[in-house]
C-alpha atoms as a PDB file:
ATOM      1  CA  ALA A   1       6.856  15.836   0.836  1.00  0.00           C
ATOM      2  CA  GLU A   2       5.944  16.946   4.295  1.00  0.00           C
ATOM      3  CA  SER A   3       4.287  19.865   6.015  1.00  0.00           C
ATOM      4  CA  ALA A   4       3.548  20.416   9.693  1.00  0.00           C
ATOM      5  CA  ASP A   5       0.300  18.440   9.358  1.00  0.00           C
ATOM      6  CA  TYR A   6       0.586  16.161   6.298  1.00  0.00           C
ATOM      7  CA  PHE A   7       2.749  13.695   4.405  1.00  0.00           C
ATOM      8  CA  ALA A   8       2.645  13.053   0.652  1.00  0.00           C
ATOM      9  CA  PHE A   9       4.286   9.999  -0.876  1.00  0.00           C
ATOM     10  CA  LEU A  10       4.072   7.879  -4.008  1.00  0.00           C
ATOM     11  CA  ASP A  11       1.665   4.954  -4.023  1.00  0.00           C
ATOM     12  CA  ILE A  12       3.711   1.739  -4.352  1.00  0.00           C
ATOM     13  CA  MET A  13       0.860   0.193  -6.402  1.00  0.00           C
ATOM     14  CA  PRO A  14      -0.066   3.186  -8.585  1.00  0.00           C
ATOM     15  CA  LEU A  15      -2.873   3.536 -11.083  1.00  0.00           C
ATOM     16  CA  ALA A  16      -0.636   5.861 -13.111  1.00  0.00           C
ATOM     17  CA  PRO A  17       2.969   7.049 -12.811  1.00  0.00           C
ATOM     18  CA  GLY A  18       3.112   9.760 -10.150  1.00  0.00           C
ATOM     19  CA  HIS A  19       0.038   8.479  -8.235  1.00  0.00           C
ATOM     20  CA  THR A  20       0.523  10.135  -4.845  1.00  0.00           C
ATOM     21  CA  LEU A  21      -1.134   9.658  -1.470  1.00  0.00           C
ATOM     22  CA  LEU A  22      -1.659  12.584   0.869  1.00  0.00           C
ATOM     23  CA  VAL A  23      -2.243  11.664   4.525  1.00  0.00           C
ATOM     24  CA  PRO A  24      -2.607  13.684   7.710  1.00  0.00           C
ATOM     25  CA  LYS A  25       0.016  13.077  10.394  1.00  0.00           C
ATOM     26  CA  VAL A  26      -2.723  12.784  13.013  1.00  0.00           C
ATOM     27  CA  GLU A  27      -4.209   9.300  13.046  1.00  0.00           C
ATOM     28  CA  VAL A  28      -7.732   9.561  11.669  1.00  0.00           C
ATOM     29  CA  ASP A  29      -9.524   6.519  10.251  1.00  0.00           C
ATOM     30  CA  TYR A  30     -12.041   8.326   8.044  1.00  0.00           C
ATOM     31  CA  ASN A  31     -11.686  11.666   6.266  1.00  0.00           C
ATOM     32  CA  PHE A  32     -14.967  12.960   7.668  1.00  0.00           C
ATOM     33  CA  ASP A  33     -13.909  12.115  11.231  1.00  0.00           C
ATOM     34  CA  ALA A  34     -11.079  14.663  10.922  1.00  0.00           C
ATOM     35  CA  ASP A  35     -11.616  18.009  12.600  1.00  0.00           C
ATOM     36  CA  ASP A  36     -12.521  20.877  10.299  1.00  0.00           C
ATOM     37  CA  ASP A  37      -9.071  22.493  10.338  1.00  0.00           C
ATOM     38  CA  LEU A  38      -7.297  19.245   9.459  1.00  0.00           C
ATOM     39  CA  LEU A  39      -9.788  18.395   6.724  1.00  0.00           C
ATOM     40  CA  SER A  40      -9.790  21.874   5.173  1.00  0.00           C
ATOM     41  CA  GLY A  41      -5.984  22.031   5.273  1.00  0.00           C
ATOM     42  CA  MET A  42      -5.619  18.940   3.099  1.00  0.00           C
ATOM     43  CA  LEU A  43      -6.630  20.667  -0.138  1.00  0.00           C
ATOM     44  CA  PRO A  44      -4.128  23.553  -0.009  1.00  0.00           C
ATOM     45  CA  PHE A  45      -1.359  20.991   0.638  1.00  0.00           C
ATOM     46  CA  ALA A  46      -2.720  18.790  -2.176  1.00  0.00           C
ATOM     47  CA  LYS A  47      -2.686  21.815  -4.504  1.00  0.00           C
ATOM     48  CA  LYS A  48       1.064  22.283  -3.937  1.00  0.00           C
ATOM     49  CA  ILE A  49       1.763  18.596  -4.562  1.00  0.00           C
ATOM     50  CA  ALA A  50      -0.445  18.635  -7.679  1.00  0.00           C
ATOM     51  CA  ALA A  51       1.465  21.616  -9.093  1.00  0.00           C
ATOM     52  CA  ALA A  52       4.732  19.677  -8.788  1.00  0.00           C
ATOM     53  CA  LEU A  53       3.143  16.528 -10.236  1.00  0.00           C
ATOM     54  CA  GLU A  54       1.922  18.439 -13.304  1.00  0.00           C
ATOM     55  CA  LYS A  55       5.479  19.579 -14.009  1.00  0.00           C
ATOM     56  CA  ALA A  56       7.087  16.185 -13.334  1.00  0.00           C
ATOM     57  CA  VAL A  57       4.618  13.837 -15.048  1.00  0.00           C
ATOM     58  CA  PRO A  58       3.215  14.286 -18.567  1.00  0.00           C
ATOM     59  CA  CYS A  59      -0.560  14.521 -18.077  1.00  0.00           C
ATOM     60  CA  GLN A  60      -3.615  16.601 -18.941  1.00  0.00           C
ATOM     61  CA  ARG A  61      -4.414  17.319 -15.296  1.00  0.00           C
ATOM     62  CA  ILE A  62      -4.227  15.887 -11.788  1.00  0.00           C
ATOM     63  CA  GLY A  63      -7.266  13.957 -10.621  1.00  0.00           C
ATOM     64  CA  ILE A  64      -8.255  13.735  -6.983  1.00  0.00           C
ATOM     65  CA  SER A  65     -10.050  10.824  -5.370  1.00  0.00           C
ATOM     66  CA  VAL A  66     -11.242  10.253  -1.827  1.00  0.00           C
ATOM     67  CA  ILE A  67     -12.533   6.727  -1.286  1.00  0.00           C
ATOM     68  CA  GLY A  68     -11.682   5.663   2.250  1.00  0.00           C
ATOM     69  CA  LEU A  69     -12.022   1.879   2.006  1.00  0.00           C
ATOM     70  CA  GLU A  70      -8.542   0.591   1.185  1.00  0.00           C
ATOM     71  CA  VAL A  71      -6.644   1.557   4.332  1.00  0.00           C
ATOM     72  CA  PRO A  72      -7.868   2.597   7.799  1.00  0.00           C
ATOM     73  CA  HIS A  73      -6.327   6.081   7.631  1.00  0.00           C
ATOM     74  CA  ALA A  74      -7.724   9.255   6.094  1.00  0.00           C
ATOM     75  CA  HIS A  75      -6.066   9.991   2.757  1.00  0.00           C
ATOM     76  CA  ILE A  76      -6.462  11.591  -0.658  1.00  0.00           C
ATOM     77  CA  HIS A  77      -5.246  10.155  -3.977  1.00  0.00           C
ATOM     78  CA  LEU A  78      -3.641  12.558  -6.466  1.00  0.00           C
ATOM     79  CA  ILE A  79      -3.420  10.873  -9.858  1.00  0.00           C
ATOM     80  CA  PRO A  80      -1.877  12.294 -13.038  1.00  0.00           C
ATOM     81  CA  LEU A  81      -4.505  11.795 -15.754  1.00  0.00           C
ATOM     82  CA  ARG A  82      -4.264  11.340 -19.483  1.00  0.00           C
ATOM     83  CA  THR A  83      -7.640   9.576 -19.785  1.00  0.00           C
ATOM     84  CA  MET A  84     -10.555   8.806 -17.453  1.00  0.00           C
ATOM     85  CA  ASP A  85      -9.300   5.212 -17.249  1.00  0.00           C
ATOM     86  CA  ASP A  86      -6.238   6.460 -15.335  1.00  0.00           C
ATOM     87  CA  ILE A  87      -8.471   6.932 -12.274  1.00  0.00           C
ATOM     88  CA  ASN A  88     -10.317   3.600 -12.596  1.00  0.00           C
ATOM     89  CA  PHE A  89      -9.539   1.797  -9.334  1.00  0.00           C
ATOM     90  CA  SER A  90     -10.869  -1.538 -10.635  1.00  0.00           C
ATOM     91  CA  ARG A  91      -8.150  -1.926 -13.261  1.00  0.00           C
ATOM     92  CA  PRO A  92      -4.775  -3.575 -12.529  1.00  0.00           C
ATOM     93  CA  LYS A  93      -2.211  -1.426 -10.749  1.00  0.00           C
ATOM     94  CA  LEU A  94       1.185  -0.639 -12.262  1.00  0.00           C
ATOM     95  CA  ASN A  95       4.206  -2.578 -11.086  1.00  0.00           C
ATOM     96  CA  MET A  96       6.965   0.017 -10.708  1.00  0.00           C
ATOM     97  CA  SER A  97      10.424  -0.835  -9.405  1.00  0.00           C
ATOM     98  CA  SER A  98      11.984   0.877  -6.398  1.00  0.00           C
ATOM     99  CA  LEU A  99      14.365   2.636  -8.774  1.00  0.00           C
ATOM    100  CA  GLU A 100      11.480   3.935 -10.913  1.00  0.00           C
ATOM    101  CA  LEU A 101       9.618   5.164  -7.825  1.00  0.00           C
ATOM    102  CA  SER A 102      12.751   6.851  -6.443  1.00  0.00           C
ATOM    103  CA  SER A 103      13.418   8.569  -9.759  1.00  0.00           C
ATOM    104  CA  MET A 104       9.784   9.725  -9.964  1.00  0.00           C
ATOM    105  CA  ALA A 105       9.890  11.033  -6.376  1.00  0.00           C
ATOM    106  CA  GLU A 106      13.073  12.987  -7.089  1.00  0.00           C
ATOM    107  CA  SER A 107      11.550  14.525 -10.203  1.00  0.00           C
ATOM    108  CA  ILE A 108       8.444  15.599  -8.272  1.00  0.00           C
ATOM    109  CA  ARG A 109      10.545  17.005  -5.399  1.00  0.00           C
ATOM    110  CA  SER A 110      12.571  19.069  -7.864  1.00  0.00           C
ATOM    111  CA  HIS A 111       9.363  20.942  -8.807  1.00  0.00           C
ATOM    112  CA  LEU A 112       7.892  21.206  -5.323  1.00  0.00           C
ATOM    113  CA  ILE A 113       7.375  24.607  -3.707  1.00  0.00           C
ATOM    114  CA  LEU A 114       5.979  24.328  -0.185  1.00  0.00           C
END
C-alpha cells in the first residue's frame, strides 16, 4: 500500500502471517528524527493498514512495535496477534514463500480502504 508519504509492505521474514512494515518515503534513520508532521502521520496510515490486516488475517488484534535497531530507516511493525508470543522478536521468523507472501498481500489489498 502507498500514500503520498508512506509505504506499507509485508515483512519477508515475518513473526506472524501478515506482519507488515510501514515506512516513510522520506529517508529518516530514526523515528524520533522525523519531523512532527511525518511522525504524527504514520499512525493514521497504520490504522488503515491495520483495519485491512484484521479482515485478511485471522487474529485477535493488530500489535504495533517500534524498535529502530534492525534497519537504518524509520519504520513501524504491524503484527497480527493471536498470542503475546506473536510479537516476540527473539523467536525464529517464519519462512514464507514468494507465492504465500503474494497471496497474503492480495488478500490485504482487497480489504484496504485508503
